[in-house]
Amino acid sequence: MIERLQRIATFLARFRLAIFVLGGFSLVLLLLSVLENPWLHGDELLIPAILGFCWALIFYSASELFIVVPPSPARDAGFRARFSARVRRGLLWLLGLFTLTSSVALLVLSYQLLRTWL
């Protein structure tokens, strides 16, 4: 699983600038909507701004967390090297499960919010 997340992270690393732009634009729209700026009439862009910012955070965190995955420990490696690699891979597994769970939750939230918005 973490090797697949590493491939996804290397793909997302190419679009890091676009992810930053999406997150920044969404954050600006979010702040303008919350502060009731006269440029925006009402809060009709609040839900897409929240969703855009959340998706940008998920994409950025996945691209940063899983870009470097330690290799599986070799059989002839010492105890300390094997233990260290297993601990790091175990933590990445936990972070991977959390990332996948968060992505599914955000997908459901996106569906519900966009259904309400439209």
C-alpha atoms as a PDB file:
ATOM      1  CA  MET A   1       0.000   0.000   0.000  1.00  0.00           C
ATOM      2  CA  ILE A   2       2.711   2.493   0.881  1.00  0.00           C
ATOM      3  CA  GLU A   3       4.545   1.770  -2.378  1.00  0.00           C
ATOM      4  CA  ARG A   4       1.368   2.679  -4.282  1.00  0.00           C
ATOM      5  CA  LEU A   5       1.022   5.836  -2.194  1.00  0.00           C
ATOM      6  CA  GLN A   6       4.647   6.627  -3.058  1.00  0.00           C
ATOM      7  CA  ARG A   7       3.820   6.395  -6.775  1.00  0.00           C
ATOM      8  CA  ILE A   8       0.836   8.695  -6.226  1.00  0.00           C
ATOM      9  CA  ALA A   9       3.036  11.101  -4.250  1.00  0.00           C
ATOM     10  CA  THR A  10       5.650  11.258  -7.009  1.00  0.00           C
ATOM     11  CA  PHE A  11       2.867  11.999  -9.499  1.00  0.00           C
ATOM     12  CA  LEU A  12       1.407  14.713  -7.251  1.00  0.00           C
ATOM     13  CA  ALA A  13       4.864  16.238  -6.718  1.00  0.00           C
ATOM     14  CA  ARG A  14       4.805  17.392 -10.342  1.00  0.00           C
ATOM     15  CA  PHE A  15       1.693  19.446  -9.632  1.00  0.00           C
ATOM     16  CA  ARG A  16       2.849  20.994  -6.366  1.00  0.00           C
ATOM     17  CA  LEU A  17       2.612  24.535  -7.744  1.00  0.00           C
ATOM     18  CA  ALA A  18      -0.949  23.937  -8.969  1.00  0.00           C
ATOM     19  CA  ILE A  19      -1.863  22.501  -5.568  1.00  0.00           C
ATOM     20  CA  PHE A  20      -0.458  25.609  -3.865  1.00  0.00           C
ATOM     21  CA  VAL A  21      -2.379  27.875  -6.240  1.00  0.00           C
ATOM     22  CA  LEU A  22      -5.610  25.927  -5.638  1.00  0.00           C
ATOM     23  CA  GLY A  23      -5.126  26.065  -1.880  1.00  0.00           C
ATOM     24  CA  GLY A  24      -4.238  29.755  -1.875  1.00  0.00           C
ATOM     25  CA  PHE A  25      -7.113  30.716  -4.162  1.00  0.00           C
ATOM     26  CA  SER A  26      -9.549  28.671  -2.092  1.00  0.00           C
ATOM     27  CA  LEU A  27      -8.267  30.204   1.137  1.00  0.00           C
ATOM     28  CA  VAL A  28      -8.653  33.720  -0.251  1.00  0.00           C
ATOM     29  CA  LEU A  29     -12.202  32.951  -1.404  1.00  0.00           C
ATOM     30  CA  LEU A  30     -12.962  31.422   1.979  1.00  0.00           C
ATOM     31  CA  LEU A  31     -11.710  34.467   3.855  1.00  0.00           C
ATOM     32  CA  LEU A  32     -13.514  36.873   1.531  1.00  0.00           C
ATOM     33  CA  SER A  33     -16.754  34.945   1.970  1.00  0.00           C
ATOM     34  CA  VAL A  34     -16.463  34.782   5.746  1.00  0.00           C
ATOM     35  CA  LEU A  35     -15.513  38.441   6.127  1.00  0.00           C
ATOM     36  CA  GLU A  36     -18.460  39.501   3.927  1.00  0.00           C
ATOM     37  CA  ASN A  37     -16.404  41.391   1.404  1.00  0.00           C
ATOM     38  CA  PRO A  38     -18.392  43.629  -0.965  1.00  0.00           C
ATOM     39  CA  TRP A  39     -16.686  41.962  -3.965  1.00  0.00           C
ATOM     40  CA  LEU A  40     -18.640  38.786  -3.270  1.00  0.00           C
ATOM     41  CA  HIS A  41     -22.399  38.949  -2.952  1.00  0.00           C
ATOM     42  CA  GLY A  42     -23.414  36.568  -0.191  1.00  0.00           C
ATOM     43  CA  ASP A  43     -21.728  33.309   0.553  1.00  0.00           C
ATOM     44  CA  GLU A  44     -22.433  31.347  -2.618  1.00  0.00           C
ATOM     45  CA  LEU A  45     -18.717  30.504  -3.053  1.00  0.00           C
ATOM     46  CA  LEU A  46     -18.148  29.420   0.538  1.00  0.00           C
ATOM     47  CA  ILE A  47     -18.765  25.690   0.020  1.00  0.00           C
ATOM     48  CA  PRO A  48     -16.546  25.353  -3.085  1.00  0.00           C
ATOM     49  CA  ALA A  49     -13.827  27.329  -1.286  1.00  0.00           C
ATOM     50  CA  ILE A  50     -13.940  25.002   1.711  1.00  0.00           C
ATOM     51  CA  LEU A  51     -13.821  21.921  -0.505  1.00  0.00           C
ATOM     52  CA  GLY A  52     -11.019  23.281  -2.678  1.00  0.00           C
ATOM     53  CA  PHE A  53      -8.922  24.088   0.370  1.00  0.00           C
ATOM     54  CA  CYS A  54      -9.533  20.667   1.944  1.00  0.00           C
ATOM     55  CA  TRP A  55      -8.641  18.835  -1.276  1.00  0.00           C
ATOM     56  CA  ALA A  56      -5.500  20.933  -1.665  1.00  0.00           C
ATOM     57  CA  LEU A  57      -4.492  20.012   1.895  1.00  0.00           C
ATOM     58  CA  ILE A  58      -5.077  16.305   1.256  1.00  0.00           C
ATOM     59  CA  PHE A  59      -3.111  16.367  -2.008  1.00  0.00           C
ATOM     60  CA  TYR A  60      -0.231  18.346  -0.516  1.00  0.00           C
ATOM     61  CA  SER A  61       0.025  16.213   2.617  1.00  0.00           C
ATOM     62  CA  ALA A  62      -0.037  12.996   0.580  1.00  0.00           C
ATOM     63  CA  SER A  63       2.649  14.302  -1.755  1.00  0.00           C
ATOM     64  CA  GLU A  64       4.880  15.297   1.167  1.00  0.00           C
ATOM     65  CA  LEU A  65       4.339  12.287   3.428  1.00  0.00           C
ATOM     66  CA  PHE A  66       4.856   9.486   0.947  1.00  0.00           C
ATOM     67  CA  ILE A  67       7.515  10.849  -1.397  1.00  0.00           C
ATOM     68  CA  VAL A  68      10.235   8.869   0.438  1.00  0.00           C
ATOM     69  CA  VAL A  69       9.329   5.369   1.590  1.00  0.00           C
ATOM     70  CA  PRO A  70      12.079   3.311   3.196  1.00  0.00           C
ATOM     71  CA  PRO A  71      12.775   0.015   1.418  1.00  0.00           C
ATOM     72  CA  SER A  72      11.899  -3.297   2.994  1.00  0.00           C
ATOM     73  CA  PRO A  73      14.672  -4.510   5.288  1.00  0.00           C
ATOM     74  CA  ALA A  74      17.073  -7.057   3.829  1.00  0.00           C
ATOM     75  CA  ARG A  75      17.434 -10.451   5.471  1.00  0.00           C
ATOM     76  CA  ASP A  76      21.174 -10.033   6.046  1.00  0.00           C
ATOM     77  CA  ALA A  77      20.822  -6.581   7.646  1.00  0.00           C
ATOM     78  CA  GLY A  78      21.459  -6.159  11.332  1.00  0.00           C
ATOM     79  CA  PHE A  79      18.755  -6.157  13.967  1.00  0.00           C
ATOM     80  CA  ARG A  80      18.867  -2.402  14.451  1.00  0.00           C
ATOM     81  CA  ALA A  81      18.554  -1.656  10.715  1.00  0.00           C
ATOM     82  CA  ARG A  82      15.656  -4.118  10.311  1.00  0.00           C
ATOM     83  CA  PHE A  83      13.877  -2.774  13.381  1.00  0.00           C
ATOM     84  CA  SER A  84      14.324   0.832  12.279  1.00  0.00           C
ATOM     85  CA  ALA A  85      13.028   0.122   8.785  1.00  0.00           C
ATOM     86  CA  ARG A  86      10.037  -1.787  10.128  1.00  0.00           C
ATOM     87  CA  VAL A  87       9.133   0.982  12.571  1.00  0.00           C
ATOM     88  CA  ARG A  88       9.341   3.629   9.847  1.00  0.00           C
ATOM     89  CA  ARG A  89       7.319   1.495   7.428  1.00  0.00           C
ATOM     90  CA  GLY A  90       4.784   0.749  10.177  1.00  0.00           C
ATOM     91  CA  LEU A  91       4.323   4.444  10.885  1.00  0.00           C
ATOM     92  CA  LEU A  92       3.896   5.091   7.170  1.00  0.00           C
ATOM     93  CA  TRP A  93       1.279   2.335   7.055  1.00  0.00           C
ATOM     94  CA  LEU A  94      -0.636   4.064   9.849  1.00  0.00           C
ATOM     95  CA  LEU A  95      -0.327   7.428   8.109  1.00  0.00           C
ATOM     96  CA  GLY A  96      -1.419   5.780   4.858  1.00  0.00           C
ATOM     97  CA  LEU A  97      -4.524   4.346   6.492  1.00  0.00           C
ATOM     98  CA  PHE A  98      -5.281   7.734   8.022  1.00  0.00           C
ATOM     99  CA  THR A  99      -4.766   9.449   4.666  1.00  0.00           C
ATOM    100  CA  LEU A 100      -7.020   6.997   2.855  1.00  0.00           C
ATOM    101  CA  THR A 101      -9.690   7.291   5.544  1.00  0.00           C
ATOM    102  CA  SER A 102      -9.499  11.075   5.409  1.00  0.00           C
ATOM    103  CA  SER A 103      -9.757  11.017   1.613  1.00  0.00           C
ATOM    104  CA  VAL A 104     -12.851   8.821   1.688  1.00  0.00           C
ATOM    105  CA  ALA A 105     -14.397  11.027   4.371  1.00  0.00           C
ATOM    106  CA  LEU A 106     -13.597  14.117   2.291  1.00  0.00           C
ATOM    107  CA  LEU A 107     -15.115  12.476  -0.766  1.00  0.00           C
ATOM    108  CA  VAL A 108     -18.362  11.838   1.134  1.00  0.00           C
ATOM    109  CA  LEU A 109     -18.267  15.365   2.563  1.00  0.00           C
ATOM    110  CA  SER A 110     -17.711  16.766  -0.932  1.00  0.00           C
ATOM    111  CA  TYR A 111     -20.721  14.870  -2.256  1.00  0.00           C
ATOM    112  CA  GLN A 112     -22.950  16.054   0.569  1.00  0.00           C
ATOM    113  CA  LEU A 113     -21.799  19.683   0.423  1.00  0.00           C
ATOM    114  CA  LEU A 114     -22.007  19.915  -3.364  1.00  0.00           C
ATOM    115  CA  ARG A 115     -25.470  18.360  -3.285  1.00  0.00           C
ATOM    116  CA  THR A 116     -26.512  21.045  -0.778  1.00  0.00           C
ATOM    117  CA  TRP A 117     -24.773  23.809  -2.725  1.00  0.00           C
ATOM    118  CA  LEU A 118     -26.374  22.908  -6.042  1.00  0.00           C
END
